[in-house]
Structures are given as structure tokens and as C-alpha cells.
Amino acid sequence: MALATEDIEEIRNLIIEVLTERPDMANNNVRYELEIRERIVRVEEELKHQRELMIEGFKQMEKRFEQIEKRFEQIDKRFEQIDKRFEQIDKRFEQIEKRFEHIDKRFEHIDKRFEQVDKRFEVLTTRIDRFMVWSFTTTLTVGGIVIAAIKYMP
């Protein structure tokens, strides 16, 4: 069923009538374009806001990094202080080692003195032993002479 030209003309007239009664339909493209522009403006504003937020976030990150850097500097200072303390402790240990060496020398001197005292005691004991032997023999000899003198005396 093909449409007659009259039918096509009538459809055209009806479409034109409907479009003239509703001007919204004719301006649809303009409205759509305006809505798109408004959306673009909103998106641009939102992007601008997002950029500002990102910049603010980067600034805060920079501040945090600066704080972390300061903390690292403080930690470095603490390590330097600890290094100085260890150096002081090393110096103290060196002093203590010197003192121990000095004490060792003193003990060596004391050992030598004890050895000398031991030698003196040995000399004294040998002299006392000789004296005791000599005095014992002298006593026996005198006792024998006294007994012999008493026996042979009339």
C-alpha cells in the first residue's frame, strides 16, 4: 500500500501544525545545546574545584614532608649525641684500661716485694736452723763437759 501524494501532504501539514503548536519541539536543539553548555560549565567548575583540592593536598603533603625532614634531622642529632656518648665511653674505657695497667704494675711490684720477703724469711729460717743446731750442740757439749767434770772430780 503505497501512500498517495495527498496523504503525504496531509501528514506534512499535521507535523507542521503540531510543531507550530509546540514551539518547544523546534527549540529542542537550542535547549539541548544550552543544557550541554551548562553541564560543561559545571564540569569545568568542578574540575577547577578538584584542581584546587589537589593543590591544597599537595601543599599539605609538602608540609608533612617538611615535618618528616625535621624529625629526621632531630633523629640525626640524637644519633650524633649517641656517637659522642660512645666516644666518651670509649675514652673512659681507655682511662680504665690505663688504670688497670697501672694496678697491674703495682701488683708486679708487690709480687717482687713478696718474693724479697720470702727470700728474707728463707734466710732467717736457715740462720735460725743453724743457730738451733749450733746452740743444741753447744748445750750438749757443755752438758757433757759438766757431767764429765762432776764424775772425775774427787
C-alpha atoms as a PDB file:
ATOM      1  CA  MET A   1       0.000   0.000   0.000  1.00  0.00           C
ATOM      2  CA  ALA A   2       1.601   2.972  -1.243  1.00  0.00           C
ATOM      3  CA  LEU A   3       0.638   6.339   0.067  1.00  0.00           C
ATOM      4  CA  ALA A   4      -0.852   8.831  -2.177  1.00  0.00           C
ATOM      5  CA  THR A   5       0.591  12.283  -2.542  1.00  0.00           C
ATOM      6  CA  GLU A   6      -2.420  13.697  -0.836  1.00  0.00           C
ATOM      7  CA  ASP A   7      -1.780  11.504   2.177  1.00  0.00           C
ATOM      8  CA  ILE A   8       1.842  12.584   2.326  1.00  0.00           C
ATOM      9  CA  GLU A   9       0.768  16.234   2.101  1.00  0.00           C
ATOM     10  CA  GLU A  10      -1.715  15.769   4.882  1.00  0.00           C
ATOM     11  CA  ILE A  11       0.979  14.116   7.132  1.00  0.00           C
ATOM     12  CA  ARG A  12       3.284  17.056   6.458  1.00  0.00           C
ATOM     13  CA  ASN A  13       0.588  19.556   7.361  1.00  0.00           C
ATOM     14  CA  LEU A  14      -0.172  17.672  10.561  1.00  0.00           C
ATOM     15  CA  ILE A  15       3.528  17.639  11.547  1.00  0.00           C
ATOM     16  CA  ILE A  16       3.850  21.351  10.829  1.00  0.00           C
ATOM     17  CA  GLU A  17       0.706  22.039  12.843  1.00  0.00           C
ATOM     18  CA  VAL A  18       1.995  20.075  15.798  1.00  0.00           C
ATOM     19  CA  LEU A  19       5.360  21.816  15.621  1.00  0.00           C
ATOM     20  CA  THR A  20       3.757  25.256  15.466  1.00  0.00           C
ATOM     21  CA  GLU A  21       1.509  24.458  18.393  1.00  0.00           C
ATOM     22  CA  ARG A  22       4.502  23.273  20.443  1.00  0.00           C
ATOM     23  CA  PRO A  23       7.427  25.592  19.898  1.00  0.00           C
ATOM     24  CA  ASP A  24       9.409  23.528  22.419  1.00  0.00           C
ATOM     25  CA  MET A  25       9.995  20.890  19.832  1.00  0.00           C
ATOM     26  CA  ALA A  26      11.564  23.358  17.408  1.00  0.00           C
ATOM     27  CA  ASN A  27      13.807  24.770  20.059  1.00  0.00           C
ATOM     28  CA  ASN A  28      14.860  21.379  21.287  1.00  0.00           C
ATOM     29  CA  ASN A  29      18.275  21.659  19.699  1.00  0.00           C
ATOM     30  CA  VAL A  30      18.830  25.074  21.244  1.00  0.00           C
ATOM     31  CA  ARG A  31      17.755  23.851  24.684  1.00  0.00           C
ATOM     32  CA  TYR A  32      19.893  20.756  24.349  1.00  0.00           C
ATOM     33  CA  GLU A  33      22.849  22.920  23.399  1.00  0.00           C
ATOM     34  CA  LEU A  34      22.235  25.235  26.371  1.00  0.00           C
ATOM     35  CA  GLU A  35      21.969  22.282  28.733  1.00  0.00           C
ATOM     36  CA  ILE A  36      25.210  20.880  27.369  1.00  0.00           C
ATOM     37  CA  ARG A  37      26.906  24.261  27.828  1.00  0.00           C
ATOM     38  CA  GLU A  38      25.593  24.487  31.383  1.00  0.00           C
ATOM     39  CA  ARG A  39      26.851  20.990  32.070  1.00  0.00           C
ATOM     40  CA  ILE A  40      30.223  21.860  30.566  1.00  0.00           C
ATOM     41  CA  VAL A  41      30.405  24.959  32.779  1.00  0.00           C
ATOM     42  CA  ARG A  42      29.532  22.850  35.848  1.00  0.00           C
ATOM     43  CA  VAL A  43      32.103  20.219  34.902  1.00  0.00           C
ATOM     44  CA  GLU A  44      34.729  22.927  34.395  1.00  0.00           C
ATOM     45  CA  GLU A  45      33.876  24.438  37.783  1.00  0.00           C
ATOM     46  CA  GLU A  46      34.068  21.004  39.396  1.00  0.00           C
ATOM     47  CA  LEU A  47      37.413  20.358  37.701  1.00  0.00           C
ATOM     48  CA  LYS A  48      38.640  23.723  38.936  1.00  0.00           C
ATOM     49  CA  HIS A  49      37.484  22.808  42.451  1.00  0.00           C
ATOM     50  CA  GLN A  50      39.190  19.401  42.143  1.00  0.00           C
ATOM     51  CA  ARG A  51      42.411  21.119  40.981  1.00  0.00           C
ATOM     52  CA  GLU A  52      42.251  23.457  43.991  1.00  0.00           C
ATOM     53  CA  LEU A  53      41.729  20.464  46.293  1.00  0.00           C
ATOM     54  CA  MET A  54      44.678  18.679  44.692  1.00  0.00           C
ATOM     55  CA  ILE A  55      46.875  21.752  45.070  1.00  0.00           C
ATOM     56  CA  GLU A  56      45.829  22.038  48.715  1.00  0.00           C
ATOM     57  CA  GLY A  57      46.540  18.326  49.186  1.00  0.00           C
ATOM     58  CA  PHE A  58      49.995  18.756  47.625  1.00  0.00           C
ATOM     59  CA  LYS A  59      50.691  21.695  49.944  1.00  0.00           C
ATOM     60  CA  GLN A  60      49.703  19.599  52.941  1.00  0.00           C
ATOM     61  CA  MET A  61      51.904  16.768  51.686  1.00  0.00           C
ATOM     62  CA  GLU A  62      54.802  19.218  51.373  1.00  0.00           C
ATOM     63  CA  LYS A  63      54.194  20.334  54.959  1.00  0.00           C
ATOM     64  CA  ARG A  64      54.158  16.698  56.086  1.00  0.00           C
ATOM     65  CA  PHE A  65      57.395  16.037  54.206  1.00  0.00           C
ATOM     66  CA  GLU A  66      58.952  19.087  55.863  1.00  0.00           C
ATOM     67  CA  GLN A  67      57.837  17.779  59.257  1.00  0.00           C
ATOM     68  CA  ILE A  68      59.280  14.377  58.446  1.00  0.00           C
ATOM     69  CA  GLU A  69      62.521  16.044  57.353  1.00  0.00           C
ATOM     70  CA  LYS A  70      62.650  17.915  60.662  1.00  0.00           C
ATOM     71  CA  ARG A  71      62.084  14.653  62.523  1.00  0.00           C
ATOM     72  CA  PHE A  72      64.890  13.017  60.564  1.00  0.00           C
ATOM     73  CA  GLU A  73      67.143  15.952  61.411  1.00  0.00           C
ATOM     74  CA  GLN A  74      66.247  15.520  65.080  1.00  0.00           C
ATOM     75  CA  ILE A  75      66.976  11.812  64.832  1.00  0.00           C
ATOM     76  CA  ASP A  76      70.309  12.608  63.160  1.00  0.00           C
ATOM     77  CA  LYS A  77      71.127  14.979  66.031  1.00  0.00           C
ATOM     78  CA  ARG A  78      70.223  12.269  68.530  1.00  0.00           C
ATOM     79  CA  PHE A  79      72.478   9.806  66.724  1.00  0.00           C
ATOM     80  CA  GLU A  80      75.274  12.358  66.797  1.00  0.00           C
ATOM     81  CA  GLN A  81      74.727  12.757  70.543  1.00  0.00           C
ATOM     82  CA  ILE A  82      74.791   8.993  70.971  1.00  0.00           C
ATOM     83  CA  ASP A  83      78.002   8.835  68.920  1.00  0.00           C
ATOM     84  CA  LYS A  84      79.536  11.468  71.196  1.00  0.00           C
ATOM     85  CA  ARG A  85      78.437   9.487  74.244  1.00  0.00           C
ATOM     86  CA  PHE A  86      80.015   6.345  72.808  1.00  0.00           C
ATOM     87  CA  GLU A  87      83.210   8.284  72.181  1.00  0.00           C
ATOM     88  CA  GLN A  88      83.148   9.459  75.793  1.00  0.00           C
ATOM     89  CA  ILE A  89      82.554   5.902  76.949  1.00  0.00           C
ATOM     90  CA  ASP A  90      85.468   4.731  74.794  1.00  0.00           C
ATOM     91  CA  LYS A  91      87.679   7.380  76.381  1.00  0.00           C
ATOM     92  CA  ARG A  92      86.552   6.275  79.832  1.00  0.00           C
ATOM     93  CA  PHE A  93      87.339   2.657  78.975  1.00  0.00           C
ATOM     94  CA  GLU A  94      90.775   3.725  77.782  1.00  0.00           C
ATOM     95  CA  GLN A  95      91.309   5.524  81.099  1.00  0.00           C
ATOM     96  CA  ILE A  96      90.120   2.459  82.991  1.00  0.00           C
ATOM     97  CA  GLU A  97      92.487   0.285  80.927  1.00  0.00           C
ATOM     98  CA  LYS A  98      95.353   2.623  81.830  1.00  0.00           C
ATOM     99  CA  ARG A  99      94.351   2.397  85.483  1.00  0.00           C
ATOM    100  CA  PHE A 100      94.281  -1.388  85.284  1.00  0.00           C
ATOM    101  CA  GLU A 101      97.705  -1.360  83.660  1.00  0.00           C
ATOM    102  CA  HIS A 102      98.954   0.844  86.491  1.00  0.00           C
ATOM    103  CA  ILE A 103      97.372  -1.518  89.038  1.00  0.00           C
ATOM    104  CA  ASP A 104      98.996  -4.471  87.251  1.00  0.00           C
ATOM    105  CA  LYS A 105     102.377  -2.747  87.560  1.00  0.00           C
ATOM    106  CA  ARG A 106     101.703  -2.168  91.253  1.00  0.00           C
ATOM    107  CA  PHE A 107     100.840  -5.837  91.686  1.00  0.00           C
ATOM    108  CA  GLU A 108     104.072  -6.759  89.923  1.00  0.00           C
ATOM    109  CA  HIS A 109     105.971  -4.533  92.372  1.00  0.00           C
ATOM    110  CA  ILE A 110     104.081  -6.097  95.274  1.00  0.00           C
ATOM    111  CA  ASP A 111     104.900  -9.568  93.921  1.00  0.00           C
ATOM    112  CA  LYS A 112     108.572  -8.626  93.773  1.00  0.00           C
ATOM    113  CA  ARG A 113     108.398  -7.367  97.366  1.00  0.00           C
ATOM    114  CA  PHE A 114     106.744 -10.607  98.481  1.00  0.00           C
ATOM    115  CA  GLU A 115     109.491 -12.544  96.728  1.00  0.00           C
ATOM    116  CA  GLN A 116     112.081 -10.458  98.582  1.00  0.00           C
ATOM    117  CA  VAL A 117     110.251 -11.037 101.868  1.00  0.00           C
ATOM    118  CA  ASP A 118     110.106 -14.771 101.076  1.00  0.00           C
ATOM    119  CA  LYS A 119     113.874 -14.771 100.465  1.00  0.00           C
ATOM    120  CA  ARG A 120     114.422 -12.944 103.753  1.00  0.00           C
ATOM    121  CA  PHE A 121     112.254 -15.478 105.576  1.00  0.00           C
ATOM    122  CA  GLU A 122     114.196 -18.313 103.959  1.00  0.00           C
ATOM    123  CA  VAL A 123     117.474 -16.702 105.010  1.00  0.00           C
ATOM    124  CA  LEU A 124     116.116 -16.172 108.530  1.00  0.00           C
ATOM    125  CA  THR A 125     114.846 -19.746 108.796  1.00  0.00           C
ATOM    126  CA  THR A 126     118.203 -21.101 107.643  1.00  0.00           C
ATOM    127  CA  ARG A 127     120.000 -18.839 110.147  1.00  0.00           C
ATOM    128  CA  ILE A 128     117.605 -19.913 112.921  1.00  0.00           C
ATOM    129  CA  ASP A 129     118.079 -23.555 111.942  1.00  0.00           C
ATOM    130  CA  ARG A 130     121.872 -23.131 112.069  1.00  0.00           C
ATOM    131  CA  PHE A 131     121.586 -21.263 115.358  1.00  0.00           C
ATOM    132  CA  MET A 132     119.413 -24.020 116.838  1.00  0.00           C
ATOM    133  CA  VAL A 133     121.863 -26.718 115.673  1.00  0.00           C
ATOM    134  CA  TRP A 134     124.803 -24.715 116.987  1.00  0.00           C
ATOM    135  CA  SER A 135     123.088 -23.960 120.314  1.00  0.00           C
ATOM    136  CA  PHE A 136     121.966 -27.594 120.692  1.00  0.00           C
ATOM    137  CA  THR A 137     125.457 -28.876 120.028  1.00  0.00           C
ATOM    138  CA  THR A 138     126.899 -26.254 122.335  1.00  0.00           C
ATOM    139  CA  THR A 139     124.442 -27.209 125.065  1.00  0.00           C
ATOM    140  CA  LEU A 140     125.230 -30.918 124.630  1.00  0.00           C
ATOM    141  CA  THR A 141     128.952 -30.227 124.646  1.00  0.00           C
ATOM    142  CA  VAL A 142     128.743 -28.062 127.796  1.00  0.00           C
ATOM    143  CA  GLY A 143     126.446 -30.612 129.410  1.00  0.00           C
ATOM    144  CA  GLY A 144     128.892 -33.418 128.595  1.00  0.00           C
ATOM    145  CA  ILE A 145     131.794 -31.408 129.957  1.00  0.00           C
ATOM    146  CA  VAL A 146     129.862 -30.646 133.142  1.00  0.00           C
ATOM    147  CA  ILE A 147     128.923 -34.317 133.606  1.00  0.00           C
ATOM    148  CA  ALA A 148     132.472 -35.443 132.928  1.00  0.00           C
ATOM    149  CA  ALA A 149     133.804 -32.851 135.325  1.00  0.00           C
ATOM    150  CA  ILE A 150     131.443 -33.945 138.013  1.00  0.00           C
ATOM    151  CA  LYS A 151     132.281 -37.652 137.540  1.00  0.00           C
ATOM    152  CA  TYR A 152     136.000 -37.235 137.582  1.00  0.00           C
ATOM    153  CA  MET A 153     136.158 -34.866 140.411  1.00  0.00           C
ATOM    154  CA  PRO A 154     137.025 -36.396 143.704  1.00  0.00           C
END
